[in-house]
Amino acid sequence: MKEAMLYESMGSGSVKCNLCGRRCIIPEGKTGFCRVRRNVGGKLYSLVYSKVCSVACDPIEKKPLFHYNPGASVLSIATIGCNFRCLFCDNWVISQEEEIYGRELPPEKIVELALKNDCQGISYTYTEPTIFFEYAYDTAKIAKSKGLFNTFVTNGYMTPEAVDTIAPYLDAATVDFKCSANPEAYKTLSSVFDVQPIFDCLLELKRKGVFIEVTNLLIPGIDGWERDLENLAKWIVENLGPETPFHILRFHPDYKLYDRSSTPSYMLKKAYEISRNSGLKHVYVGNAPELRLENTYCPQCGQLLIERYGFQVLAYNITEDLKCPKCGYSVNVRGKFWAGGGWLRDIL
């Protein structure tokens, strides 16, 4: 076990975890909501440090990160556990697992694997990286020293303290919303009773200079979804900026949520229109290749800048100083294009 970061003693043997927005108060011998942080003798410990349950080389577009080092390959890692209980989780086999298991891979080994497999960065993903924060922190610190970048794929429930701690080593983050932040949907479908910590996390990520892309899983059957989506899109425009990449994702029935159909194409198209009309300049639709709404265009002149299909970059047409070659508009892309990267494979 590894002693946890970001906790405090509450007296009588209990501790308070300040890593995620739940801020669990954990009695002696018990674990927090995430099931992977335990109070042992008045100290909080991570039970999953260096215990990897998933590791692979992914295209960065899979995260999805469309505007950060396009075409790059990232070593993706995860441990078991999550601080949400999403009934629709497509990674539920590892996120909702209660038994602690995983292959022992210390931070140094993860960085070594990334370099050996010609990855440009490391992504902490598949399950919620907040719950294996100490492992991610130690790995990210070493990775940064070796010239690799680090990205989180997160549900956004990190506390501002957690963001402040990881920010010196975290380059980019994909923050995943469900149902356009509808509070009732979060309660009934994810066992999350307050969505405000997600917005607080986003504001802190922006303050710390972490590159942000936002996703929004659109689940059918939520009353008032158009209003919720418009409110979310406008909040992003006003607080993160209109050029923040925004990914609308199609829902597929999984785990315990089989009473809903996949998100229909007409709903995805409507969501795209609402997001664009709300002021967002880079809107994408994922898990729906038939719609062909994954390309990046210049917000000023409409020039095709990045052509994609699924996780593949088919064409890249942005200058080295990250401008539109036709009109000179500065495009919200960070890093560079990695031609020939972005291939998907298991490495162990």
Protein backbone atom coordinates (compact mmCIF):
# COMPACT_ATOMS: atom_id res chain seq x y z
CA MET A 1 0.00 0.00 0.00
CA LYS A 2 1.01 3.61 -0.54
CA GLU A 3 0.10 6.37 1.90
CA ALA A 4 -2.42 8.65 0.25
CA MET A 5 -2.05 12.29 -0.61
CA LEU A 6 -4.59 14.99 0.24
CA TYR A 7 -6.24 13.70 3.40
CA GLU A 8 -6.60 14.96 6.96
CA SER A 9 -7.26 13.49 10.39
CA MET A 10 -10.76 14.04 11.77
CA GLY A 11 -10.15 12.70 15.27
CA SER A 12 -11.38 9.41 16.77
CA GLY A 13 -9.39 7.58 14.12
CA SER A 14 -11.38 8.85 11.13
CA VAL A 15 -9.81 10.61 8.15
CA LYS A 16 -11.22 12.93 5.50
CA CYS A 17 -10.16 12.34 1.90
CA ASN A 18 -9.81 15.59 -0.05
CA LEU A 19 -9.05 14.05 -3.40
CA CYS A 20 -12.48 14.09 -5.03
CA GLY A 21 -15.66 16.09 -4.60
CA ARG A 22 -17.21 13.47 -2.32
CA ARG A 23 -14.67 14.31 0.41
CA CYS A 24 -15.39 11.01 2.15
CA ILE A 25 -14.98 10.78 5.91
CA ILE A 26 -13.58 7.28 6.39
CA PRO A 27 -13.60 5.44 9.73
CA GLU A 28 -10.76 3.19 10.84
CA GLY A 29 -10.60 0.01 8.75
CA LYS A 30 -13.02 1.25 6.08
CA THR A 31 -12.62 2.41 2.48
CA GLY A 32 -14.02 5.46 0.76
CA PHE A 33 -16.77 5.39 -1.85
CA CYS A 34 -14.15 4.53 -4.49
CA ARG A 35 -13.32 1.27 -2.63
CA VAL A 36 -9.59 1.71 -3.23
CA ARG A 37 -8.55 4.07 -0.42
CA ARG A 38 -8.53 2.64 3.10
CA ASN A 39 -8.07 4.06 6.57
CA VAL A 40 -5.48 1.95 8.36
CA GLY A 41 -4.59 3.07 11.85
CA GLY A 42 -5.69 6.64 11.24
CA LYS A 43 -3.75 6.96 7.97
CA LEU A 44 -5.23 6.81 4.50
CA TYR A 45 -3.67 4.42 2.00
CA SER A 46 -4.08 3.75 -1.72
CA LEU A 47 -4.75 0.07 -2.33
CA VAL A 48 -4.08 0.22 -6.08
CA TYR A 49 -0.70 1.93 -6.27
CA SER A 50 1.27 0.35 -9.17
CA LYS A 51 -1.46 -2.25 -9.70
CA VAL A 52 -2.30 -1.87 -13.39
CA CYS A 53 -5.38 -3.63 -14.74
CA SER A 54 -5.20 -2.14 -18.26
CA VAL A 55 -2.31 -0.88 -20.36
CA ALA A 56 -2.16 -0.22 -24.11
CA CYS A 57 -0.87 2.16 -26.75
CA ASP A 58 -3.72 4.34 -28.02
CA PRO A 59 -4.13 7.13 -30.54
CA ILE A 60 -4.63 10.35 -28.60
CA GLU A 61 -7.83 10.90 -30.59
CA LYS A 62 -9.37 8.00 -28.66
CA LYS A 63 -9.33 9.97 -25.39
CA PRO A 64 -10.73 12.02 -27.20
CA LEU A 65 -8.16 14.79 -27.55
CA PHE A 66 -8.50 16.30 -31.03
CA HIS A 67 -6.60 19.55 -30.48
CA TYR A 68 -3.65 18.37 -28.40
CA ASN A 69 -0.70 16.84 -30.28
CA PRO A 70 -2.88 15.39 -33.07
CA GLY A 71 -1.79 11.98 -34.29
CA ALA A 72 0.26 11.23 -31.19
CA SER A 73 0.45 7.83 -29.52
CA VAL A 74 -0.12 7.61 -25.80
CA LEU A 75 0.52 4.81 -23.34
CA SER A 76 -2.83 4.39 -21.56
CA ILE A 77 -3.00 2.96 -18.06
CA ALA A 78 -5.64 2.28 -15.41
CA THR A 79 -6.20 0.60 -12.09
CA ILE A 80 -9.52 -0.77 -10.88
CA GLY A 81 -12.03 1.43 -9.08
CA CYS A 82 -14.10 4.58 -9.57
CA ASN A 83 -15.73 7.33 -7.52
CA PHE A 84 -18.89 7.13 -9.66
CA ARG A 85 -21.38 4.27 -10.03
CA CYS A 86 -22.51 4.86 -13.61
CA LEU A 87 -25.16 2.33 -14.63
CA PHE A 88 -24.04 2.70 -18.24
CA CYS A 89 -20.26 2.38 -17.78
CA ASP A 90 -18.64 0.58 -20.72
CA ASN A 91 -15.58 -0.17 -18.57
CA TRP A 92 -17.62 -1.51 -15.65
CA VAL A 93 -15.62 -4.75 -15.49
CA ILE A 94 -12.70 -2.76 -14.05
CA SER A 95 -14.34 0.43 -12.77
CA GLN A 96 -16.86 -1.38 -10.55
CA GLU A 97 -14.62 -4.26 -9.49
CA GLU A 98 -14.43 -4.65 -5.71
CA GLU A 99 -11.48 -7.03 -5.53
CA ILE A 100 -8.07 -5.37 -5.57
CA TYR A 101 -5.92 -6.80 -8.33
CA GLY A 102 -3.52 -5.71 -11.05
CA ARG A 103 -0.11 -6.29 -12.55
CA GLU A 104 2.72 -4.66 -10.58
CA LEU A 105 4.14 -1.90 -12.76
CA PRO A 106 5.91 0.88 -10.83
CA PRO A 107 6.00 4.41 -12.28
CA GLU A 108 9.50 3.95 -13.67
CA LYS A 109 8.34 0.88 -15.63
CA ILE A 110 5.35 2.74 -17.08
CA VAL A 111 7.61 5.51 -18.40
CA GLU A 112 10.02 2.92 -19.75
CA LEU A 113 7.18 1.18 -21.61
CA ALA A 114 6.02 4.48 -23.10
CA LEU A 115 9.47 5.29 -24.43
CA LYS A 116 10.09 1.74 -25.64
CA ASN A 117 6.86 1.79 -27.63
CA ASP A 118 7.49 5.18 -29.23
CA CYS A 119 4.69 6.94 -27.37
CA GLN A 120 4.77 10.69 -27.07
CA GLY A 121 2.79 10.79 -23.84
CA ILE A 122 0.97 8.89 -21.11
CA SER A 123 -2.79 8.95 -20.58
CA TYR A 124 -4.41 8.05 -17.28
CA THR A 125 -7.73 6.71 -18.46
CA TYR A 126 -10.21 3.78 -18.79
CA THR A 127 -11.14 4.18 -15.11
CA GLU A 128 -11.12 7.46 -13.16
CA PRO A 129 -7.51 8.63 -12.68
CA THR A 130 -8.46 10.53 -9.52
CA ILE A 131 -8.77 7.26 -7.61
CA PHE A 132 -5.20 6.22 -8.48
CA PHE A 133 -3.91 9.76 -8.01
CA GLU A 134 -0.68 8.92 -6.17
CA TYR A 135 0.32 6.46 -8.87
CA ALA A 136 -0.56 8.92 -11.64
CA TYR A 137 1.28 11.73 -9.84
CA ASP A 138 4.52 9.78 -9.42
CA THR A 139 4.37 8.49 -12.99
CA ALA A 140 3.57 11.89 -14.48
CA LYS A 141 6.47 13.50 -12.66
CA ILE A 142 8.95 11.01 -14.11
CA ALA A 143 7.33 11.14 -17.54
CA LYS A 144 7.64 14.91 -17.66
CA SER A 145 11.35 14.68 -16.86
CA LYS A 146 11.78 12.30 -19.81
CA GLY A 147 10.07 14.60 -22.31
CA LEU A 148 6.68 12.89 -22.32
CA PHE A 149 3.37 14.70 -21.88
CA ASN A 150 0.59 13.60 -19.51
CA THR A 151 -3.18 13.61 -19.98
CA PHE A 152 -6.13 12.74 -17.76
CA VAL A 153 -9.45 11.37 -18.99
CA THR A 154 -11.60 12.27 -16.01
CA ASN A 155 -15.17 12.63 -14.81
CA GLY A 156 -14.09 15.99 -13.42
CA TYR A 157 -14.71 15.22 -9.75
CA MET A 158 -11.19 16.22 -8.69
CA THR A 159 -11.04 18.79 -5.93
CA PRO A 160 -9.26 22.10 -6.60
CA GLU A 161 -6.52 20.85 -4.26
CA ALA A 162 -6.03 17.75 -6.42
CA VAL A 163 -5.87 19.89 -9.57
CA ASP A 164 -3.32 22.20 -7.96
CA THR A 165 -1.18 19.20 -6.97
CA ILE A 166 -1.11 17.48 -10.37
CA ALA A 167 -1.12 20.63 -12.54
CA PRO A 168 2.68 21.06 -12.79
CA TYR A 169 2.86 17.68 -14.54
CA LEU A 170 -0.55 17.51 -16.26
CA ASP A 171 -0.60 18.87 -19.80
CA ALA A 172 -4.13 18.15 -20.99
CA ALA A 173 -7.41 16.78 -19.68
CA THR A 174 -10.57 15.42 -21.21
CA VAL A 175 -13.45 16.11 -18.82
CA ASP A 176 -16.44 13.85 -19.36
CA PHE A 177 -19.97 15.09 -18.69
CA LYS A 178 -22.98 12.83 -18.67
CA CYS A 179 -26.40 14.07 -19.84
CA SER A 180 -25.26 17.69 -20.10
CA ALA A 181 -24.77 17.93 -16.31
CA ASN A 182 -28.45 17.24 -15.58
CA PRO A 183 -28.48 16.91 -11.76
CA GLU A 184 -31.24 14.30 -11.65
CA ALA A 185 -29.51 12.11 -14.24
CA TYR A 186 -26.29 12.24 -12.21
CA LYS A 187 -28.18 11.16 -9.09
CA THR A 188 -30.11 8.29 -10.63
CA LEU A 189 -27.59 7.03 -13.19
CA SER A 190 -24.22 7.73 -11.53
CA SER A 191 -24.91 8.06 -7.77
CA VAL A 192 -23.53 11.61 -7.83
CA PHE A 193 -25.56 14.06 -5.79
CA ASP A 194 -23.82 17.33 -6.61
CA VAL A 195 -22.51 18.33 -10.05
CA GLN A 196 -20.89 21.60 -8.92
CA PRO A 197 -17.48 20.00 -8.19
CA ILE A 198 -17.14 19.25 -11.92
CA PHE A 199 -17.46 22.91 -12.80
CA ASP A 200 -15.09 23.87 -9.99
CA CYS A 201 -12.56 21.37 -11.35
CA LEU A 202 -12.82 22.81 -14.87
CA LEU A 203 -12.27 26.34 -13.62
CA GLU A 204 -9.20 25.25 -11.68
CA LEU A 205 -7.79 23.34 -14.65
CA LYS A 206 -8.15 26.47 -16.76
CA ARG A 207 -6.52 28.64 -14.09
CA LYS A 208 -3.57 26.26 -13.99
CA GLY A 209 -3.11 26.30 -17.77
CA VAL A 210 -4.05 22.67 -18.42
CA PHE A 211 -5.36 22.20 -21.97
CA ILE A 212 -9.04 21.20 -21.79
CA GLU A 213 -11.38 19.31 -24.05
CA VAL A 214 -14.93 18.49 -22.91
CA THR A 215 -17.09 15.50 -23.77
CA ASN A 216 -20.80 15.03 -23.18
CA LEU A 217 -22.45 11.60 -23.28
CA LEU A 218 -25.95 12.12 -24.67
CA ILE A 219 -28.30 9.52 -23.18
CA PRO A 220 -31.86 9.38 -24.58
CA GLY A 221 -34.86 9.70 -22.28
CA ILE A 222 -33.75 12.74 -20.25
CA ASP A 223 -36.47 15.39 -20.10
CA GLY A 224 -35.33 18.87 -21.09
CA TRP A 225 -32.08 17.66 -22.64
CA GLU A 226 -32.01 20.50 -25.16
CA ARG A 227 -32.15 23.10 -22.39
CA ASP A 228 -29.48 21.29 -20.36
CA LEU A 229 -27.18 21.08 -23.37
CA GLU A 230 -27.63 24.75 -24.23
CA ASN A 231 -26.86 25.73 -20.63
CA LEU A 232 -23.73 23.57 -20.58
CA ALA A 233 -22.50 24.87 -23.93
CA LYS A 234 -23.02 28.49 -22.87
CA TRP A 235 -21.20 27.87 -19.58
CA ILE A 236 -18.23 26.49 -21.49
CA VAL A 237 -18.21 29.49 -23.85
CA GLU A 238 -18.34 31.96 -20.97
CA ASN A 239 -15.92 30.22 -18.62
CA LEU A 240 -13.52 28.16 -20.74
CA GLY A 241 -13.76 29.95 -24.06
CA PRO A 242 -15.68 29.46 -27.32
CA GLU A 243 -12.81 27.54 -28.93
CA THR A 244 -12.84 24.80 -26.29
CA PRO A 245 -13.22 21.49 -28.20
CA PHE A 246 -16.58 19.94 -27.34
CA HIS A 247 -17.36 16.29 -28.13
CA ILE A 248 -20.93 15.01 -28.17
CA LEU A 249 -20.84 11.24 -27.69
CA ARG A 250 -23.40 8.66 -28.73
CA PHE A 251 -24.63 6.42 -25.91
CA HIS A 252 -24.74 2.64 -26.33
CA PRO A 253 -26.63 0.43 -23.83
CA ASP A 254 -24.22 -1.28 -21.45
CA TYR A 255 -23.77 -2.68 -17.93
CA LYS A 256 -27.09 -2.02 -16.11
CA LEU A 257 -28.71 0.49 -18.46
CA TYR A 258 -30.41 -1.50 -21.19
CA ASP A 259 -33.78 0.24 -21.07
CA ARG A 260 -32.50 2.99 -23.40
CA SER A 261 -31.69 2.79 -27.07
CA SER A 262 -28.49 4.13 -28.60
CA THR A 263 -28.61 7.86 -29.20
CA PRO A 264 -30.37 8.33 -32.55
CA SER A 265 -28.70 10.29 -35.33
CA TYR A 266 -31.35 13.02 -35.34
CA MET A 267 -30.69 13.71 -31.65
CA LEU A 268 -26.95 13.93 -32.24
CA LYS A 269 -27.46 16.33 -35.15
CA LYS A 270 -29.75 18.49 -33.03
CA ALA A 271 -27.20 18.50 -30.22
CA TYR A 272 -24.52 19.59 -32.70
CA GLU A 273 -26.69 22.50 -33.86
CA ILE A 274 -27.51 23.58 -30.30
CA SER A 275 -23.84 23.53 -29.33
CA ARG A 276 -22.77 25.51 -32.37
CA ASN A 277 -25.59 28.03 -31.97
CA SER A 278 -24.57 28.50 -28.33
CA GLY A 279 -21.21 29.83 -29.48
CA LEU A 280 -18.88 26.81 -29.47
CA LYS A 281 -16.59 26.87 -32.51
CA HIS A 282 -15.22 23.31 -32.41
CA VAL A 283 -18.01 20.78 -31.94
CA TYR A 284 -17.60 17.08 -32.74
CA VAL A 285 -19.88 14.05 -32.67
CA GLY A 286 -18.26 10.80 -31.57
CA ASN A 287 -19.29 7.15 -31.90
CA ALA A 288 -21.27 8.12 -35.01
CA PRO A 289 -18.94 7.85 -38.02
CA GLU A 290 -21.88 7.98 -40.42
CA LEU A 291 -22.42 11.65 -39.54
CA ARG A 292 -18.86 12.68 -40.47
CA LEU A 293 -18.78 15.37 -37.79
CA GLU A 294 -15.21 14.74 -36.60
CA ASN A 295 -13.28 17.19 -38.78
CA THR A 296 -11.75 20.49 -37.65
CA TYR A 297 -12.50 23.61 -39.69
CA CYS A 298 -11.17 27.14 -39.42
CA PRO A 299 -13.70 29.19 -37.40
CA GLN A 300 -12.96 32.23 -39.56
CA CYS A 301 -12.88 31.05 -43.18
CA GLY A 302 -14.18 27.46 -43.01
CA GLN A 303 -11.00 25.85 -44.38
CA LEU A 304 -10.69 22.12 -43.61
CA LEU A 305 -7.79 21.92 -41.15
CA ILE A 306 -7.84 18.36 -39.80
CA GLU A 307 -9.70 15.52 -41.50
CA ARG A 308 -10.47 12.48 -39.32
CA TYR A 309 -12.21 9.17 -39.50
CA GLY A 310 -12.72 7.55 -36.12
CA PHE A 311 -9.35 7.71 -34.34
CA GLN A 312 -7.36 8.29 -37.54
CA VAL A 313 -6.04 11.61 -38.81
CA LEU A 314 -6.43 11.47 -42.59
CA ALA A 315 -5.13 14.96 -43.38
CA TYR A 316 -3.50 17.77 -41.40
CA ASN A 317 -3.46 21.29 -42.80
CA ILE A 318 -2.27 23.70 -40.08
CA THR A 319 0.95 25.72 -40.26
CA GLU A 320 3.87 25.13 -37.89
CA ASP A 321 2.89 28.24 -35.93
CA LEU A 322 -0.63 26.76 -35.55
CA LYS A 323 -2.50 28.99 -37.97
CA CYS A 324 -4.95 28.44 -40.80
CA PRO A 325 -2.93 28.31 -44.05
CA LYS A 326 -5.70 30.15 -45.92
CA CYS A 327 -6.56 33.13 -43.69
CA GLY A 328 -3.91 33.10 -40.94
CA TYR A 329 -6.38 32.52 -38.09
CA SER A 330 -4.72 31.24 -34.89
CA VAL A 331 -6.17 27.80 -34.23
CA ASN A 332 -6.70 26.45 -30.72
CA VAL A 333 -4.34 23.50 -31.16
CA ARG A 334 -1.48 22.78 -28.78
CA GLY A 335 1.62 20.77 -29.63
CA LYS A 336 2.39 19.45 -33.08
CA PHE A 337 1.17 16.88 -35.57
CA TRP A 338 2.69 13.43 -35.18
CA ALA A 339 2.49 11.86 -38.63
CA GLY A 340 2.35 8.09 -38.57
CA GLY A 341 1.47 7.89 -34.88
CA GLY A 342 -1.80 7.09 -33.21
CA TRP A 343 -1.88 3.34 -33.70
CA LEU A 344 -3.85 1.15 -31.35
CA ARG A 345 -2.38 -2.00 -29.82
CA ASP A 346 -1.85 -3.95 -26.62
CA ILE A 347 1.72 -4.09 -25.40
CA LEU A 348 1.71 -6.72 -22.64
